[in-house]
Amino acid sequence: MIEVTHEAYTRLVQKAAHQENHIFRLGLTGGGCGGMEYSFDYCSETYSSDLVLDWGRIAFRISPDSAPYIEGLTLDYKIEGLNEGFVFVNPKETYRCGCGESINFNL
């Protein structure tokens, strides 16, 4: 379903170590100039229809609506100069705005 690089996995495990919740919700929301944005945060609500991806010390929950867009995504973590953060590499994206936050798909 998705790939998680070693750098991203290590950072997620570090972040989760300070939380009771080791589950992250990964999905898409409407917004931005491209029409959609990735949403990625600790999972506060669970639904029986969620797709659950167990990665050992962390897990992901993905809504069925987001799953077709996220299929094949690679979650990475990059440090470039003073900037660092999670990076979504998705071959299904057809457009990414200049700020890099807003995306679109042609599914």
C-alpha atoms as a PDB file:
ATOM      1  CA  MET A   1       0.000   0.000   0.000  1.00  0.00           C
ATOM      2  CA  ILE A   2       2.641   2.575   1.071  1.00  0.00           C
ATOM      3  CA  GLU A   3       6.375   2.582   1.669  1.00  0.00           C
ATOM      4  CA  VAL A   4       8.061   4.261   4.634  1.00  0.00           C
ATOM      5  CA  THR A   5      11.751   5.087   4.346  1.00  0.00           C
ATOM      6  CA  HIS A   6      14.125   4.269   7.181  1.00  0.00           C
ATOM      7  CA  GLU A   7      14.469   7.988   7.968  1.00  0.00           C
ATOM      8  CA  ALA A   8      10.697   8.489   8.181  1.00  0.00           C
ATOM      9  CA  TYR A   9      10.177   5.351  10.262  1.00  0.00           C
ATOM     10  CA  THR A  10      12.905   6.370  12.722  1.00  0.00           C
ATOM     11  CA  ARG A  11      11.400   9.858  13.112  1.00  0.00           C
ATOM     12  CA  LEU A  12       7.866   8.463  13.580  1.00  0.00           C
ATOM     13  CA  VAL A  13       9.047   6.052  16.268  1.00  0.00           C
ATOM     14  CA  GLN A  14      10.796   8.945  18.039  1.00  0.00           C
ATOM     15  CA  LYS A  15       7.652  11.099  17.872  1.00  0.00           C
ATOM     16  CA  ALA A  16       5.395   8.263  19.028  1.00  0.00           C
ATOM     17  CA  ALA A  17       7.639   7.489  22.003  1.00  0.00           C
ATOM     18  CA  HIS A  18       6.388  10.696  23.639  1.00  0.00           C
ATOM     19  CA  GLN A  19       2.709   9.895  23.041  1.00  0.00           C
ATOM     20  CA  GLU A  20       0.261   7.323  24.339  1.00  0.00           C
ATOM     21  CA  ASN A  21      -0.981   6.901  20.786  1.00  0.00           C
ATOM     22  CA  HIS A  22       1.381   5.254  18.287  1.00  0.00           C
ATOM     23  CA  ILE A  23      -1.122   5.369  15.440  1.00  0.00           C
ATOM     24  CA  PHE A  24      -1.039   8.001  12.708  1.00  0.00           C
ATOM     25  CA  ARG A  25      -3.875   8.949  10.369  1.00  0.00           C
ATOM     26  CA  LEU A  26      -2.734   9.452   6.797  1.00  0.00           C
ATOM     27  CA  GLY A  27      -5.117  10.804   4.196  1.00  0.00           C
ATOM     28  CA  LEU A  28      -6.230  13.619   1.978  1.00  0.00           C
ATOM     29  CA  THR A  29      -8.403  16.641   2.602  1.00  0.00           C
ATOM     30  CA  GLY A  30      -9.835  19.205   0.239  1.00  0.00           C
ATOM     31  CA  GLY A  31      -8.040  22.508   0.083  1.00  0.00           C
ATOM     32  CA  GLY A  32      -5.327  24.638  -1.384  1.00  0.00           C
ATOM     33  CA  CYS A  33      -4.896  25.815  -4.941  1.00  0.00           C
ATOM     34  CA  GLY A  34      -4.443  22.265  -6.263  1.00  0.00           C
ATOM     35  CA  GLY A  35      -7.648  20.952  -4.730  1.00  0.00           C
ATOM     36  CA  MET A  36      -6.255  18.505  -2.171  1.00  0.00           C
ATOM     37  CA  GLU A  37      -3.725  18.377   0.642  1.00  0.00           C
ATOM     38  CA  TYR A  38      -2.153  15.513   2.558  1.00  0.00           C
ATOM     39  CA  SER A  39      -3.316  15.160   6.136  1.00  0.00           C
ATOM     40  CA  PHE A  40      -0.984  13.453   8.558  1.00  0.00           C
ATOM     41  CA  ASP A  41      -1.321  13.504  12.332  1.00  0.00           C
ATOM     42  CA  TYR A  42      -1.849  11.331  15.375  1.00  0.00           C
ATOM     43  CA  CYS A  43      -5.008   9.283  15.002  1.00  0.00           C
ATOM     44  CA  SER A  44      -7.635  10.519  17.445  1.00  0.00           C
ATOM     45  CA  GLU A  45     -10.663   8.792  15.911  1.00  0.00           C
ATOM     46  CA  THR A  46     -10.927   5.303  14.482  1.00  0.00           C
ATOM     47  CA  TYR A  47     -13.531   3.890  12.137  1.00  0.00           C
ATOM     48  CA  SER A  48     -14.281   0.270  11.365  1.00  0.00           C
ATOM     49  CA  SER A  49     -13.902   1.021   7.647  1.00  0.00           C
ATOM     50  CA  ASP A  50     -10.294   2.299   8.072  1.00  0.00           C
ATOM     51  CA  LEU A  51      -7.482   0.454   6.386  1.00  0.00           C
ATOM     52  CA  VAL A  52      -4.904  -0.355   9.082  1.00  0.00           C
ATOM     53  CA  LEU A  53      -1.224  -0.685   8.208  1.00  0.00           C
ATOM     54  CA  ASP A  54       0.852  -2.078  11.075  1.00  0.00           C
ATOM     55  CA  TRP A  55       4.536  -1.203  10.942  1.00  0.00           C
ATOM     56  CA  GLY A  56       5.500  -2.722  14.291  1.00  0.00           C
ATOM     57  CA  ARG A  57       6.180   0.183  16.644  1.00  0.00           C
ATOM     58  CA  ILE A  58       3.814   2.472  14.721  1.00  0.00           C
ATOM     59  CA  ALA A  59       0.670   2.030  12.643  1.00  0.00           C
ATOM     60  CA  PHE A  60      -1.288   3.988  10.080  1.00  0.00           C
ATOM     61  CA  ARG A  61      -5.034   4.305   9.603  1.00  0.00           C
ATOM     62  CA  ILE A  62      -6.292   5.342   6.179  1.00  0.00           C
ATOM     63  CA  SER A  63      -9.879   6.082   5.205  1.00  0.00           C
ATOM     64  CA  PRO A  64     -11.302   4.147   2.243  1.00  0.00           C
ATOM     65  CA  ASP A  65     -11.828   7.485   0.437  1.00  0.00           C
ATOM     66  CA  SER A  66      -8.111   8.325   0.624  1.00  0.00           C
ATOM     67  CA  ALA A  67      -6.764   4.827  -0.093  1.00  0.00           C
ATOM     68  CA  PRO A  68      -6.871   4.990  -3.939  1.00  0.00           C
ATOM     69  CA  TYR A  69      -4.888   8.236  -3.923  1.00  0.00           C
ATOM     70  CA  ILE A  70      -2.320   7.011  -1.409  1.00  0.00           C
ATOM     71  CA  GLU A  71      -1.669   3.624  -3.008  1.00  0.00           C
ATOM     72  CA  GLY A  72       2.021   3.601  -3.998  1.00  0.00           C
ATOM     73  CA  LEU A  73       2.970   6.621  -1.840  1.00  0.00           C
ATOM     74  CA  THR A  74       6.389   6.761  -0.193  1.00  0.00           C
ATOM     75  CA  LEU A  75       6.652   8.612   3.108  1.00  0.00           C
ATOM     76  CA  ASP A  76      10.125  10.059   3.599  1.00  0.00           C
ATOM     77  CA  TYR A  77      11.793  12.442   6.038  1.00  0.00           C
ATOM     78  CA  LYS A  78      14.230  15.026   4.691  1.00  0.00           C
ATOM     79  CA  ILE A  79      16.629  17.455   6.321  1.00  0.00           C
ATOM     80  CA  GLU A  80      17.745  20.195   3.933  1.00  0.00           C
ATOM     81  CA  GLY A  81      19.622  23.048   5.527  1.00  0.00           C
ATOM     82  CA  LEU A  82      17.409  24.584   8.212  1.00  0.00           C
ATOM     83  CA  ASN A  83      14.293  22.836   6.893  1.00  0.00           C
ATOM     84  CA  GLU A  84      13.196  19.370   7.870  1.00  0.00           C
ATOM     85  CA  GLY A  85       9.994  17.404   7.706  1.00  0.00           C
ATOM     86  CA  PHE A  86       8.005  14.558   6.243  1.00  0.00           C
ATOM     87  CA  VAL A  87       7.858  14.382   2.461  1.00  0.00           C
ATOM     88  CA  PHE A  88       5.157  12.635   0.450  1.00  0.00           C
ATOM     89  CA  VAL A  89       6.401  11.100  -2.798  1.00  0.00           C
ATOM     90  CA  ASN A  90       3.387   9.979  -4.782  1.00  0.00           C
ATOM     91  CA  PRO A  91       3.581   8.861  -8.426  1.00  0.00           C
ATOM     92  CA  LYS A  92      -0.184   9.433  -8.782  1.00  0.00           C
ATOM     93  CA  GLU A  93       0.114  13.203  -8.332  1.00  0.00           C
ATOM     94  CA  THR A  94      -0.498  15.149 -11.515  1.00  0.00           C
ATOM     95  CA  TYR A  95       0.003  18.627 -10.056  1.00  0.00           C
ATOM     96  CA  ARG A  96       1.751  20.163  -7.050  1.00  0.00           C
ATOM     97  CA  CYS A  97       1.514  23.885  -6.406  1.00  0.00           C
ATOM     98  CA  GLY A  98       4.556  26.073  -5.921  1.00  0.00           C
ATOM     99  CA  CYS A  99       4.392  25.934  -2.128  1.00  0.00           C
ATOM    100  CA  GLY A 100       4.382  22.125  -2.296  1.00  0.00           C
ATOM    101  CA  GLU A 101       1.391  21.690   0.010  1.00  0.00           C
ATOM    102  CA  SER A 102      -1.472  21.471  -2.447  1.00  0.00           C
ATOM    103  CA  ILE A 103      -1.792  18.591  -4.926  1.00  0.00           C
ATOM    104  CA  ASN A 104      -4.128  17.155  -7.520  1.00  0.00           C
ATOM    105  CA  PHE A 105      -4.699  13.745  -9.063  1.00  0.00           C
ATOM    106  CA  ASN A 106      -6.102  12.464 -12.323  1.00  0.00           C
ATOM    107  CA  LEU A 107      -7.728   9.211 -11.207  1.00  0.00           C
END
